[in-house]
Amino acid sequence: MISTVALFWALCVVCIVNMARYFSSLRALLVVLRNCDPLLYQYVDGGGFFTSHGQPNKQVRLVWYIYAQRYRDHHDDEFIRRCERVRRQFILTSALCGLVVVSLIALMIWH
């Protein structure tokens, strides 16, 4: 029988790997954004996005831009594809993180 603790840690590893994939896709999206739409890149603080002095309110703008699917009217097809990918990965990573939290609570109650 599979240990529940081992299953929990496997779920944590899968969540961490998907987070890394999400951040990598977000970086690639910002590179494409810098080339195809410099004004939007500046609007979401693309240059300082992954730095300690980045502006969280501008970072949230990009998240809401993608969440609301406002990119669908953009002129660059590659940018639209990257936004779709980042959106799907964000939904997957959010669901996995939620599952990890629920699993942790269940593990604490069960053991």
PDB file of N, CA and C in Angstrom:
ATOM      1  N   MET A   1       0.836  -1.173   0.000  1.00  0.00           N
ATOM      2  CA  MET A   1       0.000   0.000   0.000  1.00  0.00           C
ATOM      3  C   MET A   1       0.891   1.249   0.000  1.00  0.00           C
ATOM      4  N   ILE A   2       0.462   2.258  -0.704  1.00  0.00           N
ATOM      5  CA  ILE A   2       1.227   3.494  -0.806  1.00  0.00           C
ATOM      6  C   ILE A   2       1.022   4.322   0.462  1.00  0.00           C
ATOM      7  N   SER A   3       2.097   4.851   0.967  1.00  0.00           N
ATOM      8  CA  SER A   3       2.042   5.693   2.158  1.00  0.00           C
ATOM      9  C   SER A   3       1.390   7.033   1.812  1.00  0.00           C
ATOM     10  N   THR A   4       0.513   7.505   2.674  1.00  0.00           N
ATOM     11  CA  THR A   4      -0.149   8.790   2.428  1.00  0.00           C
ATOM     12  C   THR A   4       0.833   9.950   2.509  1.00  0.00           C
ATOM     13  N   VAL A   5       1.840   9.808   3.355  1.00  0.00           N
ATOM     14  CA  VAL A   5       2.854  10.861   3.468  1.00  0.00           C
ATOM     15  C   VAL A   5       3.676  10.932   2.181  1.00  0.00           C
ATOM     16  N   ALA A   6       4.034   9.769   1.637  1.00  0.00           N
ATOM     17  CA  ALA A   6       4.783   9.742   0.374  1.00  0.00           C
ATOM     18  C   ALA A   6       3.946  10.317  -0.761  1.00  0.00           C
ATOM     19  N   LEU A   7       2.663  10.010  -0.755  1.00  0.00           N
ATOM     20  CA  LEU A   7       1.768  10.549  -1.770  1.00  0.00           C
ATOM     21  C   LEU A   7       1.655  12.075  -1.648  1.00  0.00           C
ATOM     22  N   PHE A   8       1.605  12.569  -0.417  1.00  0.00           N
ATOM     23  CA  PHE A   8       1.557  14.013  -0.186  1.00  0.00           C
ATOM     24  C   PHE A   8       2.819  14.689  -0.714  1.00  0.00           C
ATOM     25  N   TRP A   9       3.989  14.117  -0.419  1.00  0.00           N
ATOM     26  CA  TRP A   9       5.241  14.721  -0.886  1.00  0.00           C
ATOM     27  C   TRP A   9       5.362  14.650  -2.406  1.00  0.00           C
ATOM     28  N   ALA A  10       4.847  13.592  -3.002  1.00  0.00           N
ATOM     29  CA  ALA A  10       4.845  13.504  -4.468  1.00  0.00           C
ATOM     30  C   ALA A  10       3.968  14.612  -5.057  1.00  0.00           C
ATOM     31  N   LEU A  11       2.834  14.859  -4.421  1.00  0.00           N
ATOM     32  CA  LEU A  11       1.954  15.941  -4.862  1.00  0.00           C
ATOM     33  C   LEU A  11       2.642  17.298  -4.718  1.00  0.00           C
ATOM     34  N   CYS A  12       3.392  17.480  -3.642  1.00  0.00           N
ATOM     35  CA  CYS A  12       4.149  18.727  -3.445  1.00  0.00           C
ATOM     36  C   CYS A  12       5.195  18.916  -4.544  1.00  0.00           C
ATOM     37  N   VAL A  13       5.882  17.838  -4.900  1.00  0.00           N
ATOM     38  CA  VAL A  13       6.899  17.919  -5.958  1.00  0.00           C
ATOM     39  C   VAL A  13       6.254  18.283  -7.288  1.00  0.00           C
ATOM     40  N   VAL A  14       5.123  17.659  -7.603  1.00  0.00           N
ATOM     41  CA  VAL A  14       4.412  17.979  -8.844  1.00  0.00           C
ATOM     42  C   VAL A  14       3.986  19.446  -8.847  1.00  0.00           C
ATOM     43  N   CYS A  15       3.530  19.939  -7.717  1.00  0.00           N
ATOM     44  CA  CYS A  15       3.122  21.345  -7.606  1.00  0.00           C
ATOM     45  C   CYS A  15       4.314  22.278  -7.825  1.00  0.00           C
ATOM     46  N   ILE A  16       5.445  21.957  -7.237  1.00  0.00           N
ATOM     47  CA  ILE A  16       6.645  22.796  -7.387  1.00  0.00           C
ATOM     48  C   ILE A  16       7.138  22.798  -8.832  1.00  0.00           C
ATOM     49  N   VAL A  17       7.110  21.641  -9.478  1.00  0.00           N
ATOM     50  CA  VAL A  17       7.528  21.558 -10.884  1.00  0.00           C
ATOM     51  C   VAL A  17       6.604  22.403 -11.756  1.00  0.00           C
ATOM     52  N   ASN A  18       5.303  22.343 -11.499  1.00  0.00           N
ATOM     53  CA  ASN A  18       4.370  23.151 -12.280  1.00  0.00           C
ATOM     54  C   ASN A  18       4.525  24.637 -12.002  1.00  0.00           C
ATOM     55  N   MET A  19       4.889  25.002 -10.780  1.00  0.00           N
ATOM     56  CA  MET A  19       5.178  26.412 -10.484  1.00  0.00           C
ATOM     57  C   MET A  19       6.383  26.888 -11.290  1.00  0.00           C
ATOM     58  N   ALA A  20       7.408  26.058 -11.367  1.00  0.00           N
ATOM     59  CA  ALA A  20       8.601  26.414 -12.142  1.00  0.00           C
ATOM     60  C   ALA A  20       8.248  26.575 -13.620  1.00  0.00           C
ATOM     61  N   ARG A  21       7.410  25.680 -14.139  1.00  0.00           N
ATOM     62  CA  ARG A  21       6.965  25.789 -15.531  1.00  0.00           C
ATOM     63  C   ARG A  21       6.174  27.078 -15.752  1.00  0.00           C
ATOM     64  N   TYR A  22       5.333  27.421 -14.789  1.00  0.00           N
ATOM     65  CA  TYR A  22       4.525  28.636 -14.887  1.00  0.00           C
ATOM     66  C   TYR A  22       5.409  29.882 -14.920  1.00  0.00           C
ATOM     67  N   PHE A  23       6.377  29.962 -14.009  1.00  0.00           N
ATOM     68  CA  PHE A  23       7.260  31.130 -13.980  1.00  0.00           C
ATOM     69  C   PHE A  23       8.122  31.205 -15.239  1.00  0.00           C
ATOM     70  N   SER A  24       8.541  30.060 -15.757  1.00  0.00           N
ATOM     71  CA  SER A  24       9.310  30.044 -16.997  1.00  0.00           C
ATOM     72  C   SER A  24       8.461  30.550 -18.164  1.00  0.00           C
ATOM     73  N   SER A  25       7.222  30.113 -18.235  1.00  0.00           N
ATOM     74  CA  SER A  25       6.321  30.584 -19.294  1.00  0.00           C
ATOM     75  C   SER A  25       6.023  32.067 -19.149  1.00  0.00           C
ATOM     76  N   LEU A  26       5.924  32.529 -17.915  1.00  0.00           N
ATOM     77  CA  LEU A  26       5.685  33.950 -17.680  1.00  0.00           C
ATOM     78  C   LEU A  26       6.877  34.789 -18.135  1.00  0.00           C
ATOM     79  N   ARG A  27       8.077  34.300 -17.887  1.00  0.00           N
ATOM     80  CA  ARG A  27       9.280  34.997 -18.378  1.00  0.00           C
ATOM     81  C   ARG A  27       9.289  35.055 -19.907  1.00  0.00           C
ATOM     82  N   ALA A  28       8.965  33.929 -20.546  1.00  0.00           N
ATOM     83  CA  ALA A  28       8.919  33.899 -22.013  1.00  0.00           C
ATOM     84  C   ALA A  28       7.846  34.848 -22.539  1.00  0.00           C
ATOM     85  N   LEU A  29       6.722  34.924 -21.844  1.00  0.00           N
ATOM     86  CA  LEU A  29       5.661  35.851 -22.237  1.00  0.00           C
ATOM     87  C   LEU A  29       6.141  37.296 -22.157  1.00  0.00           C
ATOM     88  N   LEU A  30       6.883  37.625 -21.118  1.00  0.00           N
ATOM     89  CA  LEU A  30       7.389  38.994 -20.977  1.00  0.00           C
ATOM     90  C   LEU A  30       8.394  39.341 -22.067  1.00  0.00           C
ATOM     91  N   VAL A  31       9.191  38.366 -22.505  1.00  0.00           N
ATOM     92  CA  VAL A  31      10.135  38.607 -23.605  1.00  0.00           C
ATOM     93  C   VAL A  31       9.367  38.896 -24.889  1.00  0.00           C
ATOM     94  N   VAL A  32       8.344  38.102 -25.165  1.00  0.00           N
ATOM     95  CA  VAL A  32       7.524  38.328 -26.356  1.00  0.00           C
ATOM     96  C   VAL A  32       6.809  39.674 -26.243  1.00  0.00           C
ATOM     97  N   LEU A  33       6.323  39.983 -25.058  1.00  0.00           N
ATOM     98  CA  LEU A  33       5.613  41.244 -24.836  1.00  0.00           C
ATOM     99  C   LEU A  33       6.524  42.445 -25.064  1.00  0.00           C
ATOM    100  N   ARG A  34       7.775  42.340 -24.637  1.00  0.00           N
ATOM    101  CA  ARG A  34       8.727  43.446 -24.827  1.00  0.00           C
ATOM    102  C   ARG A  34       8.928  43.727 -26.312  1.00  0.00           C
ATOM    103  N   ASN A  35       8.925  42.681 -27.133  1.00  0.00           N
ATOM    104  CA  ASN A  35       9.158  42.860 -28.565  1.00  0.00           C
ATOM    105  C   ASN A  35       7.913  43.301 -29.325  1.00  0.00           C
ATOM    106  N   CYS A  36       6.744  42.802 -28.936  1.00  0.00           N
ATOM    107  CA  CYS A  36       5.554  43.079 -29.742  1.00  0.00           C
ATOM    108  C   CYS A  36       4.722  44.256 -29.234  1.00  0.00           C
ATOM    109  N   ASP A  37       4.798  44.569 -27.951  1.00  0.00           N
ATOM    110  CA  ASP A  37       3.990  45.658 -27.400  1.00  0.00           C
ATOM    111  C   ASP A  37       4.735  46.340 -26.251  1.00  0.00           C
ATOM    112  N   PRO A  38       5.699  47.209 -26.574  1.00  0.00           N
ATOM    113  CA  PRO A  38       6.511  47.846 -25.529  1.00  0.00           C
ATOM    114  C   PRO A  38       5.701  48.673 -24.530  1.00  0.00           C
ATOM    115  N   LEU A  39       4.598  49.261 -24.973  1.00  0.00           N
ATOM    116  CA  LEU A  39       3.788  50.073 -24.068  1.00  0.00           C
ATOM    117  C   LEU A  39       3.128  49.205 -22.986  1.00  0.00           C
ATOM    118  N   LEU A  40       2.579  48.072 -23.379  1.00  0.00           N
ATOM    119  CA  LEU A  40       1.987  47.148 -22.411  1.00  0.00           C
ATOM    120  C   LEU A  40       3.062  46.557 -21.511  1.00  0.00           C
ATOM    121  N   TYR A  41       4.241  46.301 -22.084  1.00  0.00           N
ATOM    122  CA  TYR A  41       5.374  45.789 -21.300  1.00  0.00           C
ATOM    123  C   TYR A  41       5.732  46.772 -20.188  1.00  0.00           C
ATOM    124  N   GLN A  42       5.755  48.039 -20.508  1.00  0.00           N
ATOM    125  CA  GLN A  42       6.053  49.065 -19.506  1.00  0.00           C
ATOM    126  C   GLN A  42       4.893  49.203 -18.517  1.00  0.00           C
ATOM    127  N   TYR A  43       3.676  49.047 -18.992  1.00  0.00           N
ATOM    128  CA  TYR A  43       2.485  49.176 -18.151  1.00  0.00           C
ATOM    129  C   TYR A  43       2.452  48.118 -17.046  1.00  0.00           C
ATOM    130  N   VAL A  44       2.954  46.905 -17.352  1.00  0.00           N
ATOM    131  CA  VAL A  44       2.953  45.823 -16.356  1.00  0.00           C
ATOM    132  C   VAL A  44       4.316  45.676 -15.688  1.00  0.00           C
ATOM    133  N   ASP A  45       5.203  46.637 -15.884  1.00  0.00           N
ATOM    134  CA  ASP A  45       6.539  46.636 -15.272  1.00  0.00           C
ATOM    135  C   ASP A  45       7.315  45.381 -15.658  1.00  0.00           C
ATOM    136  N   GLY A  46       7.386  45.121 -16.962  1.00  0.00           N
ATOM    137  CA  GLY A  46       8.065  43.927 -17.452  1.00  0.00           C
ATOM    138  C   GLY A  46       9.522  43.849 -17.070  1.00  0.00           C
ATOM    139  N   GLY A  47      10.220  44.976 -17.044  1.00  0.00           N
ATOM    140  CA  GLY A  47      11.639  44.972 -16.706  1.00  0.00           C
ATOM    141  C   GLY A  47      11.913  44.630 -15.255  1.00  0.00           C
ATOM    142  N   GLY A  48      11.023  45.016 -14.368  1.00  0.00           N
ATOM    143  CA  GLY A  48      11.227  44.758 -12.946  1.00  0.00           C
ATOM    144  C   GLY A  48      10.304  43.693 -12.390  1.00  0.00           C
ATOM    145  N   PHE A  49       9.731  42.882 -13.279  1.00  0.00           N
ATOM    146  CA  PHE A  49       8.706  41.924 -12.858  1.00  0.00           C
ATOM    147  C   PHE A  49       9.232  40.896 -11.863  1.00  0.00           C
ATOM    148  N   PHE A  50      10.397  40.343 -12.126  1.00  0.00           N
ATOM    149  CA  PHE A  50      10.946  39.294 -11.267  1.00  0.00           C
ATOM    150  C   PHE A  50      12.059  39.805 -10.356  1.00  0.00           C
ATOM    151  N   THR A  51      12.051  41.092 -10.060  1.00  0.00           N
ATOM    152  CA  THR A  51      13.071  41.654  -9.177  1.00  0.00           C
ATOM    153  C   THR A  51      12.452  41.996  -7.828  1.00  0.00           C
ATOM    154  N   SER A  52      13.315  42.258  -6.870  1.00  0.00           N
ATOM    155  CA  SER A  52      12.817  42.597  -5.533  1.00  0.00           C
ATOM    156  C   SER A  52      12.189  43.984  -5.494  1.00  0.00           C
ATOM    157  N   HIS A  53      12.542  44.837  -6.438  1.00  0.00           N
ATOM    158  CA  HIS A  53      11.963  46.182  -6.466  1.00  0.00           C
ATOM    159  C   HIS A  53      10.804  46.287  -7.450  1.00  0.00           C
ATOM    160  N   GLY A  54      10.276  45.144  -7.876  1.00  0.00           N
ATOM    161  CA  GLY A  54       9.121  45.142  -8.766  1.00  0.00           C
ATOM    162  C   GLY A  54       7.890  45.708  -8.075  1.00  0.00           C
ATOM    163  N   GLN A  55       6.998  46.251  -8.863  1.00  0.00           N
ATOM    164  CA  GLN A  55       5.796  46.873  -8.309  1.00  0.00           C
ATOM    165  C   GLN A  55       4.639  45.872  -8.355  1.00  0.00           C
ATOM    166  N   PRO A  56       4.211  45.387  -7.196  1.00  0.00           N
ATOM    167  CA  PRO A  56       3.162  44.354  -7.165  1.00  0.00           C
ATOM    168  C   PRO A  56       1.856  44.778  -7.832  1.00  0.00           C
ATOM    169  N   ASN A  57       1.483  46.051  -7.722  1.00  0.00           N
ATOM    170  CA  ASN A  57       0.228  46.472  -8.347  1.00  0.00           C
ATOM    171  C   ASN A  57       0.300  46.356  -9.867  1.00  0.00           C
ATOM    172  N   LYS A  58       1.467  46.597 -10.442  1.00  0.00           N
ATOM    173  CA  LYS A  58       1.623  46.434 -11.888  1.00  0.00           C
ATOM    174  C   LYS A  58       1.678  44.954 -12.267  1.00  0.00           C
ATOM    175  N   GLN A  59       2.226  44.126 -11.395  1.00  0.00           N
ATOM    176  CA  GLN A  59       2.260  42.691 -11.652  1.00  0.00           C
ATOM    177  C   GLN A  59       0.849  42.113 -11.617  1.00  0.00           C
ATOM    178  N   VAL A  60       0.032  42.626 -10.713  1.00  0.00           N
ATOM    179  CA  VAL A  60      -1.360  42.178 -10.632  1.00  0.00           C
ATOM    180  C   VAL A  60      -2.120  42.593 -11.889  1.00  0.00           C
ATOM    181  N   ARG A  61      -1.739  43.715 -12.480  1.00  0.00           N
ATOM    182  CA  ARG A  61      -2.367  44.143 -13.738  1.00  0.00           C
ATOM    183  C   ARG A  61      -2.195  43.085 -14.822  1.00  0.00           C
ATOM    184  N   LEU A  62      -1.002  42.505 -14.903  1.00  0.00           N
ATOM    185  CA  LEU A  62      -0.767  41.467 -15.909  1.00  0.00           C
ATOM    186  C   LEU A  62      -1.600  40.229 -15.602  1.00  0.00           C
ATOM    187  N   VAL A  63      -1.690  39.872 -14.334  1.00  0.00           N
ATOM    188  CA  VAL A  63      -2.497  38.707 -13.954  1.00  0.00           C
ATOM    189  C   VAL A  63      -3.960  38.926 -14.334  1.00  0.00           C
ATOM    190  N   TRP A  64      -4.495  40.101 -14.048  1.00  0.00           N
ATOM    191  CA  TRP A  64      -5.885  40.383 -14.402  1.00  0.00           C
ATOM    192  C   TRP A  64      -6.069  40.512 -15.912  1.00  0.00           C
ATOM    193  N   TYR A  65      -5.063  41.027 -16.597  1.00  0.00           N
ATOM    194  CA  TYR A  65      -5.110  41.122 -18.057  1.00  0.00           C
ATOM    195  C   TYR A  65      -5.256  39.731 -18.661  1.00  0.00           C
ATOM    196  N   ILE A  66      -4.495  38.785 -18.126  1.00  0.00           N
ATOM    197  CA  ILE A  66      -4.555  37.411 -18.631  1.00  0.00           C
ATOM    198  C   ILE A  66      -5.826  36.721 -18.152  1.00  0.00           C
ATOM    199  N   TYR A  67      -6.187  36.914 -16.882  1.00  0.00           N
ATOM    200  CA  TYR A  67      -7.372  36.257 -16.325  1.00  0.00           C
ATOM    201  C   TYR A  67      -8.644  36.685 -17.061  1.00  0.00           C
ATOM    202  N   ALA A  68      -8.753  37.970 -17.375  1.00  0.00           N
ATOM    203  CA  ALA A  68      -9.937  38.490 -18.071  1.00  0.00           C
ATOM    204  C   ALA A  68      -9.888  38.223 -19.571  1.00  0.00           C
ATOM    205  N   GLN A  69      -8.830  37.633 -20.041  1.00  0.00           N
ATOM    206  CA  GLN A  69      -8.617  37.284 -21.455  1.00  0.00           C
ATOM    207  C   GLN A  69      -8.699  38.508 -22.373  1.00  0.00           C
ATOM    208  N   ARG A  70      -8.155  39.624 -21.906  1.00  0.00           N
ATOM    209  CA  ARG A  70      -8.126  40.832 -22.730  1.00  0.00           C
ATOM    210  C   ARG A  70      -7.096  40.733 -23.846  1.00  0.00           C
ATOM    211  N   TYR A  71      -6.250  39.732 -23.799  1.00  0.00           N
ATOM    212  CA  TYR A  71      -5.233  39.538 -24.828  1.00  0.00           C
ATOM    213  C   TYR A  71      -5.833  39.042 -26.138  1.00  0.00           C
ATOM    214  N   ARG A  72      -7.058  38.604 -26.154  1.00  0.00           N
ATOM    215  CA  ARG A  72      -7.670  38.040 -27.363  1.00  0.00           C
ATOM    216  C   ARG A  72      -7.767  39.057 -28.501  1.00  0.00           C
ATOM    217  N   ASP A  73      -7.773  40.337 -28.175  1.00  0.00           N
ATOM    218  CA  ASP A  73      -7.854  41.382 -29.203  1.00  0.00           C
ATOM    219  C   ASP A  73      -6.483  41.868 -29.648  1.00  0.00           C
ATOM    220  N   HIS A  74      -5.428  41.236 -29.166  1.00  0.00           N
ATOM    221  CA  HIS A  74      -4.072  41.675 -29.496  1.00  0.00           C
ATOM    222  C   HIS A  74      -3.743  41.309 -30.940  1.00  0.00           C
ATOM    223  N   HIS A  75      -2.829  42.049 -31.551  1.00  0.00           N
ATOM    224  CA  HIS A  75      -2.487  41.849 -32.957  1.00  0.00           C
ATOM    225  C   HIS A  75      -1.462  40.738 -33.190  1.00  0.00           C
ATOM    226  N   ASP A  76      -0.737  40.317 -32.169  1.00  0.00           N
ATOM    227  CA  ASP A  76       0.332  39.328 -32.328  1.00  0.00           C
ATOM    228  C   ASP A  76      -0.157  37.943 -31.902  1.00  0.00           C
ATOM    229  N   ASP A  77      -0.134  36.998 -32.860  1.00  0.00           N
ATOM    230  CA  ASP A  77      -0.619  35.640 -32.585  1.00  0.00           C
ATOM    231  C   ASP A  77       0.249  34.904 -31.573  1.00  0.00           C
ATOM    232  N   GLU A  78       1.558  35.116 -31.629  1.00  0.00           N
ATOM    233  CA  GLU A  78       2.443  34.442 -30.671  1.00  0.00           C
ATOM    234  C   GLU A  78       2.158  34.913 -29.249  1.00  0.00           C
ATOM    235  N   PHE A  79       1.898  36.190 -29.089  1.00  0.00           N
ATOM    236  CA  PHE A  79       1.558  36.729 -27.773  1.00  0.00           C
ATOM    237  C   PHE A  79       0.262  36.109 -27.252  1.00  0.00           C
ATOM    238  N   ILE A  80      -0.715  35.950 -28.115  1.00  0.00           N
ATOM    239  CA  ILE A  80      -1.990  35.341 -27.721  1.00  0.00           C
ATOM    240  C   ILE A  80      -1.773  33.901 -27.285  1.00  0.00           C
ATOM    241  N   ARG A  81      -0.969  33.149 -28.039  1.00  0.00           N
ATOM    242  CA  ARG A  81      -0.681  31.750 -27.670  1.00  0.00           C
ATOM    243  C   ARG A  81       0.038  31.669 -26.331  1.00  0.00           C
ATOM    244  N   ARG A  82       0.990  32.543 -26.119  1.00  0.00           N
ATOM    245  CA  ARG A  82       1.727  32.542 -24.843  1.00  0.00           C
ATOM    246  C   ARG A  82       0.801  32.891 -23.679  1.00  0.00           C
ATOM    247  N   CYS A  83      -0.083  33.844 -23.889  1.00  0.00           N
ATOM    248  CA  CYS A  83      -1.033  34.204 -22.830  1.00  0.00           C
ATOM    249  C   CYS A  83      -1.958  33.035 -22.510  1.00  0.00           C
ATOM    250  N   GLU A  84      -2.422  32.337 -23.533  1.00  0.00           N
ATOM    251  CA  GLU A  84      -3.271  31.158 -23.306  1.00  0.00           C
ATOM    252  C   GLU A  84      -2.520  30.110 -22.496  1.00  0.00           C
ATOM    253  N   ARG A  85      -1.267  29.892 -22.847  1.00  0.00           N
ATOM    254  CA  ARG A  85      -0.467  28.897 -22.128  1.00  0.00           C
ATOM    255  C   ARG A  85      -0.258  29.304 -20.669  1.00  0.00           C
ATOM    256  N   VAL A  86       0.081  30.570 -20.440  1.00  0.00           N
ATOM    257  CA  VAL A  86       0.285  31.054 -19.072  1.00  0.00           C
ATOM    258  C   VAL A  86      -1.018  30.948 -18.285  1.00  0.00           C
ATOM    259  N   ARG A  87      -2.127  31.266 -18.917  1.00  0.00           N
ATOM    260  CA  ARG A  87      -3.424  31.183 -18.231  1.00  0.00           C
ATOM    261  C   ARG A  87      -3.734  29.745 -17.820  1.00  0.00           C
ATOM    262  N   ARG A  88      -3.538  28.798 -18.740  1.00  0.00           N
ATOM    263  CA  ARG A  88      -3.792  27.382 -18.418  1.00  0.00           C
ATOM    264  C   ARG A  88      -2.866  26.894 -17.312  1.00  0.00           C
ATOM    265  N   GLN A  89      -1.602  27.288 -17.378  1.00  0.00           N
ATOM    266  CA  GLN A  89      -0.654  26.859 -16.346  1.00  0.00           C
ATOM    267  C   GLN A  89      -0.973  27.498 -15.001  1.00  0.00           C
ATOM    268  N   PHE A  90      -1.459  28.730 -15.008  1.00  0.00           N
ATOM    269  CA  PHE A  90      -1.842  29.379 -13.759  1.00  0.00           C
ATOM    270  C   PHE A  90      -3.021  28.656 -13.119  1.00  0.00           C
ATOM    271  N   ILE A  91      -4.003  28.290 -13.925  1.00  0.00           N
ATOM    272  CA  ILE A  91      -5.166  27.567 -13.404  1.00  0.00           C
ATOM    273  C   ILE A  91      -4.739  26.213 -12.854  1.00  0.00           C
ATOM    274  N   LEU A  92      -3.882  25.498 -13.580  1.00  0.00           N
ATOM    275  CA  LEU A  92      -3.394  24.199 -13.126  1.00  0.00           C
ATOM    276  C   LEU A  92      -2.597  24.330 -11.834  1.00  0.00           C
ATOM    277  N   THR A  93      -1.695  25.290 -11.777  1.00  0.00           N
ATOM    278  CA  THR A  93      -0.868  25.477 -10.581  1.00  0.00           C
ATOM    279  C   THR A  93      -1.719  25.894  -9.388  1.00  0.00           C
ATOM    280  N   SER A  94      -2.696  26.752  -9.610  1.00  0.00           N
ATOM    281  CA  SER A  94      -3.588  27.157  -8.518  1.00  0.00           C
ATOM    282  C   SER A  94      -4.370  25.965  -7.983  1.00  0.00           C
ATOM    283  N   ALA A  95      -4.869  25.135  -8.883  1.00  0.00           N
ATOM    284  CA  ALA A  95      -5.614  23.948  -8.454  1.00  0.00           C
ATOM    285  C   ALA A  95      -4.712  22.987  -7.686  1.00  0.00           C
ATOM    286  N   LEU A  96      -3.487  22.802  -8.171  1.00  0.00           N
ATOM    287  CA  LEU A  96      -2.557  21.912  -7.470  1.00  0.00           C
ATOM    288  C   LEU A  96      -2.184  22.453  -6.094  1.00  0.00           C
ATOM    289  N   CYS A  97      -1.972  23.757  -5.985  1.00  0.00           N
ATOM    290  CA  CYS A  97      -1.661  24.348  -4.673  1.00  0.00           C
ATOM    291  C   CYS A  97      -2.841  24.191  -3.719  1.00  0.00           C
ATOM    292  N   GLY A  98      -4.044  24.369  -4.230  1.00  0.00           N
ATOM    293  CA  GLY A  98      -5.230  24.146  -3.407  1.00  0.00           C
ATOM    294  C   GLY A  98      -5.334  22.704  -2.954  1.00  0.00           C
ATOM    295  N   LEU A  99      -5.009  21.782  -3.851  1.00  0.00           N
ATOM    296  CA  LEU A  99      -5.024  20.362  -3.510  1.00  0.00           C
ATOM    297  C   LEU A  99      -3.967  20.029  -2.459  1.00  0.00           C
ATOM    298  N   VAL A 100      -2.812  20.670  -2.546  1.00  0.00           N
ATOM    299  CA  VAL A 100      -1.761  20.458  -1.541  1.00  0.00           C
ATOM    300  C   VAL A 100      -2.238  20.938  -0.174  1.00  0.00           C
ATOM    301  N   VAL A 101      -2.883  22.096  -0.128  1.00  0.00           N
ATOM    302  CA  VAL A 101      -3.381  22.624   1.149  1.00  0.00           C
ATOM    303  C   VAL A 101      -4.456  21.704   1.729  1.00  0.00           C
ATOM    304  N   VAL A 102      -5.393  21.275   0.890  1.00  0.00           N
ATOM    305  CA  VAL A 102      -6.440  20.360   1.357  1.00  0.00           C
ATOM    306  C   VAL A 102      -5.826  19.046   1.821  1.00  0.00           C
ATOM    307  N   SER A 103      -4.841  18.546   1.083  1.00  0.00           N
ATOM    308  CA  SER A 103      -4.173  17.298   1.471  1.00  0.00           C
ATOM    309  C   SER A 103      -3.425  17.454   2.787  1.00  0.00           C
ATOM    310  N   LEU A 104      -2.801  18.596   2.985  1.00  0.00           N
ATOM    311  CA  LEU A 104      -2.092  18.844   4.244  1.00  0.00           C
ATOM    312  C   LEU A 104      -3.060  18.864   5.425  1.00  0.00           C
ATOM    313  N   ILE A 105      -4.192  19.517   5.243  1.00  0.00           N
ATOM    314  CA  ILE A 105      -5.201  19.551   6.310  1.00  0.00           C
ATOM    315  C   ILE A 105      -5.724  18.144   6.588  1.00  0.00           C
ATOM    316  N   ALA A 106      -6.017  17.398   5.522  1.00  0.00           N
ATOM    317  CA  ALA A 106      -6.497  16.022   5.698  1.00  0.00           C
ATOM    318  C   ALA A 106      -5.439  15.156   6.360  1.00  0.00           C
ATOM    319  N   LEU A 107      -4.189  15.361   6.007  1.00  0.00           N
ATOM    320  CA  LEU A 107      -3.097  14.588   6.599  1.00  0.00           C
ATOM    321  C   LEU A 107      -2.945  14.915   8.082  1.00  0.00           C
ATOM    322  N   MET A 108      -3.109  16.187   8.430  1.00  0.00           N
ATOM    323  CA  MET A 108      -3.014  16.570   9.845  1.00  0.00           C
ATOM    324  C   MET A 108      -4.177  15.991  10.651  1.00  0.00           C
ATOM    325  N   ILE A 109      -5.356  15.953  10.069  1.00  0.00           N
ATOM    326  CA  ILE A 109      -6.516  15.392  10.766  1.00  0.00           C
ATOM    327  C   ILE A 109      -6.394  13.877  10.877  1.00  0.00           C
ATOM    328  N   TRP A 110      -5.945  13.250   9.798  1.00  0.00           N
ATOM    329  CA  TRP A 110      -5.900  11.795   9.744  1.00  0.00           C
ATOM    330  C   TRP A 110      -4.798  11.226  10.630  1.00  0.00           C
ATOM    331  N   HIS A 111      -3.655  11.884  10.663  1.00  0.00           N
ATOM    332  CA  HIS A 111      -2.531  11.334  11.443  1.00  0.00           C
ATOM    333  C   HIS A 111      -2.434  11.969  12.764  1.00  0.00           C
TER     334      HIS A 111
END
